[in-house]
C-alpha atoms as a PDB file:
ATOM      1  CA  MET A   1      98.001  98.230  92.586  1.00  0.00           C
ATOM      2  CA  ASP A   2      98.948  94.743  93.683  1.00  0.00           C
ATOM      3  CA  VAL A   3     100.129  94.918  97.270  1.00  0.00           C
ATOM      4  CA  SER A   4      99.629  91.273  98.156  1.00  0.00           C
ATOM      5  CA  ASN A   5     103.301  90.877  98.955  1.00  0.00           C
ATOM      6  CA  LYS A   6     103.730  94.395 100.331  1.00  0.00           C
ATOM      7  CA  VAL A   7     102.301  96.423 103.190  1.00  0.00           C
ATOM      8  CA  SER A   8      98.773  97.506 102.275  1.00  0.00           C
ATOM      9  CA  PHE A   9      97.878 101.186 102.348  1.00  0.00           C
ATOM     10  CA  LEU A  10      95.140 100.580 104.892  1.00  0.00           C
ATOM     11  CA  ALA A  11      97.600  98.889 107.221  1.00  0.00           C
ATOM     12  CA  VAL A  12      99.925 101.853 107.119  1.00  0.00           C
ATOM     13  CA  SER A  13      97.480 104.726 106.655  1.00  0.00           C
ATOM     14  CA  GLU A  14      98.116 106.279 110.072  1.00  0.00           C
ATOM     15  CA  ALA A  15     101.873 105.986 109.764  1.00  0.00           C
ATOM     16  CA  ALA A  16     101.907 106.966 106.108  1.00  0.00           C
ATOM     17  CA  ARG A  17      99.979 110.157 106.698  1.00  0.00           C
ATOM     18  CA  VAL A  18     102.785 111.391 108.873  1.00  0.00           C
ATOM     19  CA  ALA A  19     105.735 109.032 109.012  1.00  0.00           C
ATOM     20  CA  LEU A  20     106.822 109.472 105.427  1.00  0.00           C
ATOM     21  CA  ILE A  21     106.910 113.255 105.519  1.00  0.00           C
ATOM     22  CA  ALA A  22     110.564 113.691 104.676  1.00  0.00           C
ATOM     23  CA  CYS A  23     113.305 111.639 103.110  1.00  0.00           C
ATOM     24  CA  GLY A  24     115.093 109.331 105.510  1.00  0.00           C
ATOM     25  CA  LEU A  25     112.352 108.605 108.054  1.00  0.00           C
ATOM     26  CA  LYS A  26     112.306 105.019 109.295  1.00  0.00           C
ATOM     27  CA  TYR A  27     109.328 102.853 108.369  1.00  0.00           C
ATOM     28  CA  ARG A  28     108.878  99.139 109.202  1.00  0.00           C
ATOM     29  CA  LYS A  29     112.646  98.629 109.111  1.00  0.00           C
ATOM     30  CA  SER A  30     112.714  99.502 105.418  1.00  0.00           C
ATOM     31  CA  THR A  31     115.136 102.097 104.146  1.00  0.00           C
ATOM     32  CA  TYR A  32     114.290 104.888 101.764  1.00  0.00           C
ATOM     33  CA  ASP A  33     116.242 106.713  99.138  1.00  0.00           C
ATOM     34  CA  ALA A  34     115.531 109.942  97.305  1.00  0.00           C
ATOM     35  CA  GLY A  35     114.064 110.006  93.827  1.00  0.00           C
ATOM     36  CA  CYS A  36     110.776 108.134  93.480  1.00  0.00           C
ATOM     37  CA  LYS A  37     109.654 109.470  90.113  1.00  0.00           C
ATOM     38  CA  THR A  38     106.295 107.699  90.242  1.00  0.00           C
ATOM     39  CA  CYS A  39     104.798 109.169  93.388  1.00  0.00           C
ATOM     40  CA  GLY A  40     106.840 112.357  93.460  1.00  0.00           C
ATOM     41  CA  CYS A  41     107.312 112.162  97.212  1.00  0.00           C
ATOM     42  CA  ARG A  42     111.112 112.141  97.288  1.00  0.00           C
ATOM     43  CA  ILE A  43     111.003 108.721  98.892  1.00  0.00           C
ATOM     44  CA  ALA A  44     111.417 105.312  97.310  1.00  0.00           C
ATOM     45  CA  GLN A  45     111.182 102.093  99.258  1.00  0.00           C
ATOM     46  CA  GLU A  46     114.399 100.163  98.756  1.00  0.00           C
ATOM     47  CA  SER A  47     112.536  96.868  98.705  1.00  0.00           C
ATOM     48  CA  GLY A  48     109.504  96.596  96.453  1.00  0.00           C
ATOM     49  CA  CYS A  49     109.489 100.004  94.777  1.00  0.00           C
ATOM     50  CA  ALA A  50     109.985 100.283  91.042  1.00  0.00           C
ATOM     51  CA  VAL A  51     111.398 103.802  91.481  1.00  0.00           C
ATOM     52  CA  GLY A  52     109.254 105.135  88.710  1.00  0.00           C
ATOM     53  CA  GLU A  53     109.913 102.463  86.087  1.00  0.00           C
ATOM     54  CA  ASN A  54     106.433 101.040  86.421  1.00  0.00           C
ATOM     55  CA  ALA A  55     103.737 103.091  88.132  1.00  0.00           C
ATOM     56  CA  ASP A  56     101.617 100.019  88.847  1.00  0.00           C
ATOM     57  CA  LEU A  57     104.396  98.545  90.968  1.00  0.00           C
ATOM     58  CA  CYS A  58     105.084 101.578  93.116  1.00  0.00           C
ATOM     59  CA  ALA A  59     104.169 100.561  96.673  1.00  0.00           C
ATOM     60  CA  CYS A  60     105.213 103.768  98.370  1.00  0.00           C
ATOM     61  CA  PRO A  61     102.307 104.822 100.646  1.00  0.00           C
ATOM     62  CA  MET A  62     102.943 108.472  99.825  1.00  0.00           C
ATOM     63  CA  ARG A  63     101.761 107.780  96.275  1.00  0.00           C
ATOM     64  CA  GLU A  64      98.229 107.398  97.598  1.00  0.00           C
ATOM     65  CA  LEU A  65      98.685 110.323  99.972  1.00  0.00           C
ATOM     66  CA  ASN A  66      99.526 112.649  97.119  1.00  0.00           C
ATOM     67  CA  THR A  67      96.238 111.794  95.421  1.00  0.00           C
ATOM     68  CA  MET A  68      93.966 111.827  98.496  1.00  0.00           C
ATOM     69  CA  GLU A  69      92.426 114.706 100.383  1.00  0.00           C
ATOM     70  CA  LEU A  70      93.696 114.003 103.885  1.00  0.00           C
ATOM     71  CA  PHE A  71      92.162 117.008 105.547  1.00  0.00           C
ATOM     72  CA  ALA A  72      88.585 116.766 104.255  1.00  0.00           C
ATOM     73  CA  LYS A  73      87.241 116.118 107.744  1.00  0.00           C
ATOM     74  CA  GLU A  74      85.650 119.181 109.270  1.00  0.00           C
ATOM     75  CA  TRP A  75      86.094 119.660 113.007  1.00  0.00           C
ATOM     76  CA  ASP A  76      83.770 121.663 115.215  1.00  0.00           C
ATOM     77  CA  LYS A  77      86.225 124.360 116.275  1.00  0.00           C
ATOM     78  CA  GLY A  78      83.894 125.617 118.984  1.00  0.00           C
ATOM     79  CA  LYS A  79      83.539 122.239 120.683  1.00  0.00           C
ATOM     80  CA  ASN A  80      84.972 121.935 124.182  1.00  0.00           C
ATOM     81  CA  TRP A  81      86.587 118.510 124.485  1.00  0.00           C
ATOM     82  CA  LEU A  82      86.717 118.719 128.275  1.00  0.00           C
ATOM     83  CA  PRO A  83      83.536 117.849 130.191  1.00  0.00           C
ATOM     84  CA  TYR A  84      84.191 120.467 132.900  1.00  0.00           C
ATOM     85  CA  ASP A  85      86.814 122.645 134.615  1.00  0.00           C
ATOM     86  CA  GLY A  86      88.533 123.936 131.502  1.00  0.00           C
ATOM     87  CA  VAL A  87      88.379 124.455 127.755  1.00  0.00           C
ATOM     88  CA  VAL A  88      90.182 122.493 125.037  1.00  0.00           C
ATOM     89  CA  GLN A  89      89.366 123.163 121.386  1.00  0.00           C
ATOM     90  CA  TYR A  90      90.664 121.076 118.499  1.00  0.00           C
ATOM     91  CA  TYR A  91      90.734 122.736 115.083  1.00  0.00           C
ATOM     92  CA  GLY A  92      92.056 119.798 113.066  1.00  0.00           C
ATOM     93  CA  ALA A  93      94.499 120.545 110.260  1.00  0.00           C
ATOM     94  CA  VAL A  94      94.878 124.289 109.723  1.00  0.00           C
ATOM     95  CA  LEU A  95      97.452 123.946 106.934  1.00  0.00           C
ATOM     96  CA  PRO A  96      97.289 122.159 103.564  1.00  0.00           C
ATOM     97  CA  LEU A  97      99.384 119.005 103.397  1.00  0.00           C
ATOM     98  CA  ALA A  98     102.118 120.539 101.228  1.00  0.00           C
ATOM     99  CA  GLU A  99     102.494 123.496 103.607  1.00  0.00           C
ATOM    100  CA  ALA A 100     102.534 121.245 106.674  1.00  0.00           C
ATOM    101  CA  ASN A 101     105.264 119.132 105.050  1.00  0.00           C
ATOM    102  CA  ARG A 102     107.256 122.263 104.210  1.00  0.00           C
ATOM    103  CA  TYR A 103     107.095 123.580 107.773  1.00  0.00           C
ATOM    104  CA  PHE A 104     108.050 120.177 109.178  1.00  0.00           C
ATOM    105  CA  ASN A 105     111.253 120.253 107.129  1.00  0.00           C
ATOM    106  CA  LEU A 106     111.972 123.931 107.879  1.00  0.00           C
ATOM    107  CA  LEU A 107     111.521 123.462 111.612  1.00  0.00           C
ATOM    108  CA  MET A 108     113.647 120.331 111.628  1.00  0.00           C
ATOM    109  CA  ASP A 109     116.478 122.133 109.842  1.00  0.00           C
ATOM    110  CA  LYS A 110     116.357 125.704 111.180  1.00  0.00           C
ATOM    111  CA  ILE A 111     115.400 125.456 114.851  1.00  0.00           C
ATOM    112  CA  GLU A 112     118.265 125.397 117.367  1.00  0.00           C
ATOM    113  CA  TRP A 113     117.339 122.080 118.942  1.00  0.00           C
ATOM    114  CA  ARG A 114     118.893 121.019 122.255  1.00  0.00           C
ATOM    115  CA  ASN A 115     118.355 117.962 124.413  1.00  0.00           C
ATOM    116  CA  ASP A 116     116.065 118.880 127.281  1.00  0.00           C
ATOM    117  CA  GLU A 117     117.317 118.908 130.853  1.00  0.00           C
ATOM    118  CA  ALA A 118     115.585 118.298 134.165  1.00  0.00           C
ATOM    119  CA  ILE A 119     116.607 118.073 137.802  1.00  0.00           C
ATOM    120  CA  ILE A 120     115.001 114.997 139.382  1.00  0.00           C
ATOM    121  CA  MET A 121     115.805 114.054 142.979  1.00  0.00           C
ATOM    122  CA  GLY A 122     118.880 116.242 142.812  1.00  0.00           C
ATOM    123  CA  LYS A 123     120.229 114.608 139.655  1.00  0.00           C
ATOM    124  CA  LYS A 124     120.534 116.255 136.256  1.00  0.00           C
ATOM    125  CA  ILE A 125     118.699 114.265 133.594  1.00  0.00           C
ATOM    126  CA  ILE A 126     119.316 114.716 129.856  1.00  0.00           C
ATOM    127  CA  THR A 127     116.402 113.590 127.683  1.00  0.00           C
ATOM    128  CA  LYS A 128     116.445 112.132 124.178  1.00  0.00           C
ATOM    129  CA  ARG A 129     113.642 114.534 123.339  1.00  0.00           C
ATOM    130  CA  LYS A 130     114.907 117.884 122.092  1.00  0.00           C
ATOM    131  CA  VAL A 131     113.480 121.318 122.832  1.00  0.00           C
ATOM    132  CA  ALA A 132     113.829 124.953 121.848  1.00  0.00           C
ATOM    133  CA  TRP A 133     112.524 128.176 123.411  1.00  0.00           C
ATOM    134  CA  TYR A 134     111.772 131.307 121.368  1.00  0.00           C
ATOM    135  CA  GLY A 135     110.041 134.600 122.084  1.00  0.00           C
ATOM    136  CA  GLU A 136     109.702 138.308 121.418  1.00  0.00           C
ATOM    137  CA  LYS A 137     112.143 138.966 124.302  1.00  0.00           C
ATOM    138  CA  PRO A 138     114.797 136.781 125.975  1.00  0.00           C
ATOM    139  CA  PHE A 139     112.168 135.561 128.445  1.00  0.00           C
ATOM    140  CA  GLU A 140     113.335 133.308 131.244  1.00  0.00           C
ATOM    141  CA  TYR A 141     111.202 130.168 131.541  1.00  0.00           C
ATOM    142  CA  THR A 142     111.769 127.663 134.324  1.00  0.00           C
ATOM    143  CA  TYR A 143     110.340 124.154 134.522  1.00  0.00           C
ATOM    144  CA  SER A 144     111.696 120.916 135.990  1.00  0.00           C
ATOM    145  CA  ARG A 145     114.019 123.220 137.980  1.00  0.00           C
ATOM    146  CA  VAL A 146     115.907 124.261 134.844  1.00  0.00           C
ATOM    147  CA  SER A 147     115.769 127.774 133.335  1.00  0.00           C
ATOM    148  CA  LYS A 148     115.837 128.611 129.643  1.00  0.00           C
ATOM    149  CA  TYR A 149     116.170 131.972 127.869  1.00  0.00           C
ATOM    150  CA  ALA A 150     114.179 132.646 124.731  1.00  0.00           C
ATOM    151  CA  LEU A 151     115.894 132.995 121.371  1.00  0.00           C
ATOM    152  CA  PRO A 152     114.659 135.614 118.854  1.00  0.00           C
ATOM    153  CA  TRP A 153     111.777 134.620 116.589  1.00  0.00           C
ATOM    154  CA  THR A 154     112.566 133.001 113.268  1.00  0.00           C
ATOM    155  CA  GLU A 155     110.591 133.956 110.172  1.00  0.00           C
ATOM    156  CA  GLU A 156     108.823 130.586 110.190  1.00  0.00           C
ATOM    157  CA  LEU A 157     107.838 130.836 113.851  1.00  0.00           C
ATOM    158  CA  LEU A 158     106.437 134.337 113.398  1.00  0.00           C
ATOM    159  CA  THR A 159     104.276 133.126 110.509  1.00  0.00           C
ATOM    160  CA  LEU A 160     103.021 130.147 112.510  1.00  0.00           C
ATOM    161  CA  LYS A 161     102.387 132.371 115.547  1.00  0.00           C
ATOM    162  CA  GLN A 162     100.214 134.621 113.403  1.00  0.00           C
ATOM    163  CA  LEU A 163      98.324 131.568 112.146  1.00  0.00           C
ATOM    164  CA  ALA A 164      97.713 130.339 115.700  1.00  0.00           C
ATOM    165  CA  GLU A 165      96.577 133.801 116.788  1.00  0.00           C
ATOM    166  CA  THR A 166      94.209 134.188 113.843  1.00  0.00           C
ATOM    167  CA  GLU A 167      92.628 130.778 114.382  1.00  0.00           C
ATOM    168  CA  SER A 168      92.347 130.987 118.162  1.00  0.00           C
ATOM    169  CA  GLY A 169      91.591 134.694 118.589  1.00  0.00           C
ATOM    170  CA  GLU A 170      94.337 134.895 121.231  1.00  0.00           C
ATOM    171  CA  THR A 171      97.795 136.490 121.317  1.00  0.00           C
ATOM    172  CA  TYR A 172     101.116 134.886 122.285  1.00  0.00           C
ATOM    173  CA  ASN A 173     104.624 136.161 122.972  1.00  0.00           C
ATOM    174  CA  SER A 174     106.672 132.965 123.172  1.00  0.00           C
ATOM    175  CA  CYS A 175     106.896 129.395 121.936  1.00  0.00           C
ATOM    176  CA  LEU A 176     108.236 126.171 123.435  1.00  0.00           C
ATOM    177  CA  LEU A 177     109.079 123.569 120.789  1.00  0.00           C
ATOM    178  CA  ASN A 178     109.507 119.831 121.318  1.00  0.00           C
ATOM    179  CA  LEU A 179     111.038 117.307 118.922  1.00  0.00           C
ATOM    180  CA  TYR A 180     110.104 113.670 119.470  1.00  0.00           C
ATOM    181  CA  HIS A 181     112.287 111.515 117.215  1.00  0.00           C
ATOM    182  CA  THR A 182     110.095 108.391 117.453  1.00  0.00           C
ATOM    183  CA  GLY A 183     107.119 107.099 119.399  1.00  0.00           C
ATOM    184  CA  ASP A 184     109.509 105.915 122.101  1.00  0.00           C
ATOM    185  CA  GLU A 185     109.807 109.515 123.230  1.00  0.00           C
ATOM    186  CA  GLY A 186     106.865 111.088 125.016  1.00  0.00           C
ATOM    187  CA  MET A 187     105.879 113.392 127.848  1.00  0.00           C
ATOM    188  CA  ALA A 188     104.670 112.378 131.319  1.00  0.00           C
ATOM    189  CA  TRP A 189     101.549 113.737 133.014  1.00  0.00           C
ATOM    190  CA  HIS A 190     101.964 117.416 133.825  1.00  0.00           C
ATOM    191  CA  SER A 191     100.248 120.791 133.640  1.00  0.00           C
ATOM    192  CA  ASP A 192     101.669 124.055 132.334  1.00  0.00           C
ATOM    193  CA  GLY A 193     101.148 125.986 135.519  1.00  0.00           C
ATOM    194  CA  GLU A 194     104.509 127.676 135.961  1.00  0.00           C
ATOM    195  CA  THR A 195     104.407 131.128 137.549  1.00  0.00           C
ATOM    196  CA  ASP A 196     106.167 132.533 134.455  1.00  0.00           C
ATOM    197  CA  LEU A 197     103.015 131.880 132.432  1.00  0.00           C
ATOM    198  CA  LYS A 198      99.906 134.040 132.237  1.00  0.00           C
ATOM    199  CA  LYS A 199      97.315 132.728 134.703  1.00  0.00           C
ATOM    200  CA  ASP A 200      94.597 130.807 132.801  1.00  0.00           C
ATOM    201  CA  GLY A 201      96.139 132.032 129.551  1.00  0.00           C
ATOM    202  CA  ALA A 202      95.621 130.217 126.269  1.00  0.00           C
ATOM    203  CA  ILE A 203      98.238 127.790 124.962  1.00  0.00           C
ATOM    204  CA  ALA A 204      98.094 127.028 121.235  1.00  0.00           C
ATOM    205  CA  SER A 205      99.630 123.718 120.181  1.00  0.00           C
ATOM    206  CA  LEU A 206     100.622 123.146 116.549  1.00  0.00           C
ATOM    207  CA  SER A 207     101.643 119.605 115.563  1.00  0.00           C
ATOM    208  CA  PHE A 208     103.776 118.507 112.611  1.00  0.00           C
ATOM    209  CA  GLY A 209     104.849 115.020 111.581  1.00  0.00           C
ATOM    210  CA  ALA A 210     103.736 111.801 113.206  1.00  0.00           C
ATOM    211  CA  GLU A 211     100.153 111.641 114.418  1.00  0.00           C
ATOM    212  CA  ARG A 212     100.245 110.969 118.147  1.00  0.00           C
ATOM    213  CA  LYS A 213      97.658 110.402 120.837  1.00  0.00           C
ATOM    214  CA  PHE A 214      97.318 113.298 123.295  1.00  0.00           C
ATOM    215  CA  ALA A 215      95.621 112.698 126.640  1.00  0.00           C
ATOM    216  CA  PHE A 216      94.063 114.752 129.435  1.00  0.00           C
ATOM    217  CA  LYS A 217      93.375 113.574 133.008  1.00  0.00           C
ATOM    218  CA  HIS A 218      91.395 115.486 135.624  1.00  0.00           C
ATOM    219  CA  LYS A 219      93.470 116.017 138.754  1.00  0.00           C
ATOM    220  CA  ALA A 220      90.612 115.191 141.145  1.00  0.00           C
ATOM    221  CA  THR A 221      88.222 112.834 139.348  1.00  0.00           C
ATOM    222  CA  LYS A 222      90.895 111.108 137.188  1.00  0.00           C
ATOM    223  CA  GLU A 223      88.525 111.240 134.207  1.00  0.00           C
ATOM    224  CA  LYS A 224      90.435 111.020 130.913  1.00  0.00           C
ATOM    225  CA  VAL A 225      89.953 112.534 127.461  1.00  0.00           C
ATOM    226  CA  GLU A 226      92.071 111.481 124.475  1.00  0.00           C
ATOM    227  CA  LEU A 227      92.564 112.896 120.977  1.00  0.00           C
ATOM    228  CA  VAL A 228      94.826 112.064 118.043  1.00  0.00           C
ATOM    229  CA  LEU A 229      96.636 115.172 116.847  1.00  0.00           C
ATOM    230  CA  GLU A 230      97.006 115.331 113.073  1.00  0.00           C
ATOM    231  CA  HIS A 231      99.898 116.580 110.985  1.00  0.00           C
ATOM    232  CA  GLY A 232      99.452 120.357 110.608  1.00  0.00           C
ATOM    233  CA  SER A 233      96.764 120.561 113.294  1.00  0.00           C
ATOM    234  CA  LEU A 234      95.982 123.085 116.022  1.00  0.00           C
ATOM    235  CA  LEU A 235      94.779 122.441 119.578  1.00  0.00           C
ATOM    236  CA  VAL A 236      94.103 125.210 122.105  1.00  0.00           C
ATOM    237  CA  MET A 237      93.998 124.837 125.905  1.00  0.00           C
ATOM    238  CA  LYS A 238      92.641 127.772 127.915  1.00  0.00           C
ATOM    239  CA  HIS A 239      90.805 129.106 130.969  1.00  0.00           C
ATOM    240  CA  THR A 240      91.209 126.786 133.994  1.00  0.00           C
ATOM    241  CA  THR A 241      92.505 123.778 132.047  1.00  0.00           C
ATOM    242  CA  GLN A 242      95.999 123.912 133.577  1.00  0.00           C
ATOM    243  CA  THR A 243      94.552 124.279 137.089  1.00  0.00           C
ATOM    244  CA  HIS A 244      92.339 121.198 136.947  1.00  0.00           C
ATOM    245  CA  TRP A 245      93.751 118.942 134.219  1.00  0.00           C
ATOM    246  CA  LEU A 246      97.010 117.168 133.502  1.00  0.00           C
ATOM    247  CA  HIS A 247      98.054 116.292 129.962  1.00  0.00           C
ATOM    248  CA  ARG A 248     100.621 114.002 128.397  1.00  0.00           C
ATOM    249  CA  LEU A 249     101.958 112.553 125.164  1.00  0.00           C
ATOM    250  CA  PRO A 250     102.062 108.788 125.806  1.00  0.00           C
ATOM    251  CA  PRO A 251     104.927 106.815 124.249  1.00  0.00           C
ATOM    252  CA  THR A 252     104.108 104.173 121.651  1.00  0.00           C
ATOM    253  CA  LYS A 253     106.025 101.423 119.866  1.00  0.00           C
ATOM    254  CA  LEU A 254     103.832 101.816 116.777  1.00  0.00           C
ATOM    255  CA  ILE A 255     105.291 105.116 115.573  1.00  0.00           C
ATOM    256  CA  HIS A 256     108.811 105.272 114.115  1.00  0.00           C
ATOM    257  CA  ALA A 257     108.627 108.804 112.720  1.00  0.00           C
ATOM    258  CA  ALA A 258     109.346 112.201 114.181  1.00  0.00           C
ATOM    259  CA  ARG A 259     106.851 114.676 115.603  1.00  0.00           C
ATOM    260  CA  ILE A 260     107.426 118.392 116.145  1.00  0.00           C
ATOM    261  CA  ASN A 261     105.153 120.286 118.510  1.00  0.00           C
ATOM    262  CA  LEU A 262     104.966 124.052 118.963  1.00  0.00           C
ATOM    263  CA  THR A 263     103.193 125.466 122.005  1.00  0.00           C
ATOM    264  CA  PHE A 264     102.607 129.195 121.732  1.00  0.00           C
ATOM    265  CA  ARG A 265     102.053 130.785 125.118  1.00  0.00           C
ATOM    266  CA  THR A 266     102.225 134.062 127.034  1.00  0.00           C
ATOM    267  CA  ILE A 267     105.003 134.825 129.477  1.00  0.00           C
ATOM    268  CA  VAL A 268     104.236 137.447 132.122  1.00  0.00           C
ATOM    269  CA  ALA A 269     107.266 139.742 132.214  1.00  0.00           C
END
């Protein structure tokens, strides 16, 4: 495929693997429309895509994605990514690409998303990032001096909870979801050490959509550990991780696509 006058696949591989998950996601200021018959990805680039008339001219990055095995890399699920004072295990992608895409769209459409709120220096702050809180009971969960009450599980969340429990060997009774619309939205350094949560309990983090860097920083030594969380991947934090380590999702100008994160956890009633 001649891409001399288009964006090469290598140049967009990171974004393409996640940014072009669903119709309508922004990519390098190009616009997309439904119906690319060549690549079958529901997306056709308005500029430079033959929309199925000539397969050799289709420059949509998802064309390559549909013919590549993205999740061939095997991760050592037993590896602890922290050097001390906690345990973080990264499982890589735990869902096939088609299933990860399907859940991305289902979660985007069916979750009752709300802009997050926080009280900072006595002022109420409304974030661009959206959140949702679900659980087996209407658990109260308070962070940033704002309380939330869990909604009943959806069918999709129950299935994903079971997946996280099977992979991690842990159990969970609630889930906090975050929706980051673009790389401009992130999360500052923090630890999940609220008294509502089980002490040293496991937190299972499922990621869908844009691949984003995820960082840890030791509270005392300031040592850092960074990973890139893949579309459809699972990361588990447990033991004394929340006591000794902070974590964050740093913002980036390089990502224009959405990311959905599910953190399954255990509330102590």
